[in-house]
C-alpha atoms as a PDB file:
ATOM      1  CA  MET A   1       9.503 -15.327  25.022  1.00  0.00           C
ATOM      2  CA  THR A   2       7.939 -13.011  27.516  1.00  0.00           C
ATOM      3  CA  ASP A   3       4.278 -12.097  27.868  1.00  0.00           C
ATOM      4  CA  ASP A   4       5.087  -8.451  28.551  1.00  0.00           C
ATOM      5  CA  PRO A   5       1.977  -6.518  27.372  1.00  0.00           C
ATOM      6  CA  THR A   6       4.061  -3.399  26.646  1.00  0.00           C
ATOM      7  CA  ARG A   7       6.086  -5.088  23.902  1.00  0.00           C
ATOM      8  CA  ILE A   8       5.010  -4.031  20.434  1.00  0.00           C
ATOM      9  CA  ARG A   9       4.560  -7.636  19.284  1.00  0.00           C
ATOM     10  CA  ASN A  10       2.180  -8.339  22.164  1.00  0.00           C
ATOM     11  CA  GLN A  11      -0.277  -5.520  21.537  1.00  0.00           C
ATOM     12  CA  PRO A  12      -3.836  -6.860  21.132  1.00  0.00           C
ATOM     13  CA  ALA A  13      -4.558  -4.430  18.286  1.00  0.00           C
ATOM     14  CA  LEU A  14      -1.764  -6.007  16.252  1.00  0.00           C
ATOM     15  CA  SER A  15      -2.977  -9.556  16.651  1.00  0.00           C
ATOM     16  CA  THR A  16      -6.756  -9.481  17.094  1.00  0.00           C
ATOM     17  CA  SER A  17      -7.951  -7.077  14.393  1.00  0.00           C
ATOM     18  CA  SER A  18     -10.112  -8.562  11.646  1.00  0.00           C
ATOM     19  CA  GLY A  19      -8.305  -6.514   8.999  1.00  0.00           C
ATOM     20  CA  ALA A  20     -11.334  -4.451   7.981  1.00  0.00           C
ATOM     21  CA  ILE A  21      -9.642  -1.223   9.042  1.00  0.00           C
ATOM     22  CA  TRP A  22      -6.714  -2.075   6.755  1.00  0.00           C
ATOM     23  CA  LEU A  23      -9.127  -2.284   3.823  1.00  0.00           C
ATOM     24  CA  ILE A  24     -10.632   1.098   4.695  1.00  0.00           C
ATOM     25  CA  VAL A  25      -7.283   2.839   5.139  1.00  0.00           C
ATOM     26  CA  GLY A  26      -5.812   1.031   2.136  1.00  0.00           C
ATOM     27  CA  GLY A  27      -8.759   2.090  -0.015  1.00  0.00           C
ATOM     28  CA  LEU A  28      -8.364   5.713   1.036  1.00  0.00           C
ATOM     29  CA  PHE A  29      -4.638   5.570   0.374  1.00  0.00           C
ATOM     30  CA  ALA A  30      -5.219   3.972  -3.037  1.00  0.00           C
ATOM     31  CA  ILE A  31      -7.713   6.697  -3.979  1.00  0.00           C
ATOM     32  CA  ILE A  32      -5.350   9.477  -2.893  1.00  0.00           C
ATOM     33  CA  SER A  33      -2.429   7.873  -4.757  1.00  0.00           C
ATOM     34  CA  ILE A  34      -4.461   7.453  -7.924  1.00  0.00           C
ATOM     35  CA  VAL A  35      -5.712  11.052  -7.749  1.00  0.00           C
ATOM     36  CA  VAL A  36      -2.074  12.185  -7.572  1.00  0.00           C
ATOM     37  CA  LEU A  37      -0.946   9.917 -10.424  1.00  0.00           C
ATOM     38  CA  VAL A  38      -3.787  10.578 -12.893  1.00  0.00           C
ATOM     39  CA  PRO A  39      -2.560  14.077 -13.881  1.00  0.00           C
ATOM     40  CA  LEU A  40       0.939  12.629 -14.388  1.00  0.00           C
ATOM     41  CA  VAL A  41      -0.188  10.085 -17.014  1.00  0.00           C
ATOM     42  CA  THR A  42       0.785  12.430 -19.850  1.00  0.00           C
ATOM     43  CA  ARG A  43       4.260  13.099 -18.428  1.00  0.00           C
ATOM     44  CA  GLN A  44       7.512  11.341 -19.236  1.00  0.00           C
ATOM     45  CA  PRO A  45       8.566   8.572 -18.870  1.00  0.00           C
ATOM     46  CA  ALA A  46       5.602   7.354 -20.853  1.00  0.00           C
ATOM     47  CA  GLY A  47       3.473   4.779 -19.101  1.00  0.00           C
ATOM     48  CA  LEU A  48       5.067   5.030 -15.669  1.00  0.00           C
ATOM     49  CA  ALA A  49       2.119   6.787 -14.029  1.00  0.00           C
ATOM     50  CA  MET A  50      -0.333   4.362 -15.620  1.00  0.00           C
ATOM     51  CA  GLY A  51       1.810   1.443 -14.504  1.00  0.00           C
ATOM     52  CA  GLY A  52       1.809   2.880 -10.991  1.00  0.00           C
ATOM     53  CA  ILE A  53      -1.975   3.193 -11.046  1.00  0.00           C
ATOM     54  CA  VAL A  54      -2.362  -0.402 -12.226  1.00  0.00           C
ATOM     55  CA  ALA A  55       0.075  -1.637  -9.563  1.00  0.00           C
ATOM     56  CA  ILE A  56      -1.796   0.242  -6.821  1.00  0.00           C
ATOM     57  CA  VAL A  57      -5.141  -1.199  -7.933  1.00  0.00           C
ATOM     58  CA  LEU A  58      -3.660  -4.714  -8.045  1.00  0.00           C
ATOM     59  CA  LEU A  59      -2.130  -4.298  -4.600  1.00  0.00           C
ATOM     60  CA  TYR A  60      -5.463  -3.163  -3.202  1.00  0.00           C
ATOM     61  CA  LEU A  61      -7.156  -6.174  -4.785  1.00  0.00           C
ATOM     62  CA  ALA A  62      -4.467  -8.323  -3.165  1.00  0.00           C
ATOM     63  CA  MET A  63      -5.380  -6.725   0.178  1.00  0.00           C
ATOM     64  CA  VAL A  64      -9.029  -7.671  -0.339  1.00  0.00           C
ATOM     65  CA  LEU A  65      -8.072 -11.254  -1.231  1.00  0.00           C
ATOM     66  CA  VAL A  66      -5.772 -11.530   1.779  1.00  0.00           C
ATOM     67  CA  ARG A  67      -8.474 -10.168   4.081  1.00  0.00           C
ATOM     68  CA  PHE A  68     -10.978 -12.820   3.052  1.00  0.00           C
ATOM     69  CA  ARG A  69      -8.673 -15.780   2.287  1.00  0.00           C
ATOM     70  CA  VAL A  70      -5.987 -15.803   4.998  1.00  0.00           C
ATOM     71  CA  GLY A  71      -7.201 -17.318   8.238  1.00  0.00           C
ATOM     72  CA  ALA A  72      -4.434 -16.675  10.765  1.00  0.00           C
ATOM     73  CA  LEU A  73      -4.850 -13.209  12.269  1.00  0.00           C
ATOM     74  CA  ARG A  74      -1.189 -12.321  12.698  1.00  0.00           C
ATOM     75  CA  ARG A  75      -0.296 -13.579   9.200  1.00  0.00           C
ATOM     76  CA  ARG A  76      -3.283 -11.750   7.687  1.00  0.00           C
ATOM     77  CA  LEU A  77      -2.356  -8.476   9.361  1.00  0.00           C
ATOM     78  CA  GLY A  78       1.260  -8.866   8.273  1.00  0.00           C
ATOM     79  CA  TRP A  79       0.279  -9.368   4.636  1.00  0.00           C
ATOM     80  CA  LEU A  80      -2.157  -6.446   4.765  1.00  0.00           C
ATOM     81  CA  ALA A  81       0.585  -4.218   6.155  1.00  0.00           C
ATOM     82  CA  ALA A  82       3.019  -5.426   3.476  1.00  0.00           C
ATOM     83  CA  CYS A  83       0.527  -4.661   0.689  1.00  0.00           C
ATOM     84  CA  MET A  84      -0.125  -1.205   2.125  1.00  0.00           C
ATOM     85  CA  LEU A  85       3.603  -0.523   2.365  1.00  0.00           C
ATOM     86  CA  ALA A  86       4.082  -1.716  -1.219  1.00  0.00           C
ATOM     87  CA  MET A  87       1.341   0.675  -2.385  1.00  0.00           C
ATOM     88  CA  ALA A  88       3.161   3.543  -0.677  1.00  0.00           C
ATOM     89  CA  VAL A  89       6.480   2.564  -2.250  1.00  0.00           C
ATOM     90  CA  VAL A  90       4.967   2.280  -5.742  1.00  0.00           C
ATOM     91  CA  ALA A  91       3.171   5.627  -5.482  1.00  0.00           C
ATOM     92  CA  LEU A  92       6.162   7.489  -4.067  1.00  0.00           C
ATOM     93  CA  ALA A  93       8.640   5.950  -6.506  1.00  0.00           C
ATOM     94  CA  SER A  94       6.378   6.760  -9.468  1.00  0.00           C
ATOM     95  CA  VAL A  95       5.973  10.390  -8.455  1.00  0.00           C
ATOM     96  CA  LEU A  96       9.678  10.825  -7.694  1.00  0.00           C
ATOM     97  CA  ILE A  97      10.808   9.268 -10.981  1.00  0.00           C
ATOM     98  CA  ILE A  98       8.366  11.339 -13.024  1.00  0.00           C
ATOM     99  CA  SER A  99       9.377  14.510 -11.182  1.00  0.00           C
ATOM    100  CA  THR A 100      13.060  13.776 -11.673  1.00  0.00           C
ATOM    101  CA  VAL A 101      12.645  13.157 -15.392  1.00  0.00           C
ATOM    102  CA  GLU A 102      10.410  16.202 -15.925  1.00  0.00           C
ATOM    103  CA  TRP A 103      12.776  18.503 -14.067  1.00  0.00           C
ATOM    104  CA  ASN A 104      15.805  16.978 -15.837  1.00  0.00           C
ATOM    105  CA  ILE A 105      17.523  16.431 -12.515  1.00  0.00           C
ATOM    106  CA  VAL A 106      19.243  13.243 -13.634  1.00  0.00           C
END
């Protein structure tokens, strides 16, 4: 392994952050995702938007737990990033599936 400071893995911001910024950005993303999904609750397929909302809330709660329970910085930041990515996937997939079904594209 090299100690090259220009390598992405060796950036101090990716290994020394406390994770608080992930909670802030994750909370904002969760709010935006929920605001988008709430009007879709009445659309078909029934329950998908509500399931997406529940999944996003649970993933954000997982982020909070990871932030305060995981000690190793790099592992903590990795899990926070994974939870944030999962929130994005759930929100996007929910919106795309609902849109596809409503527009009868399938």
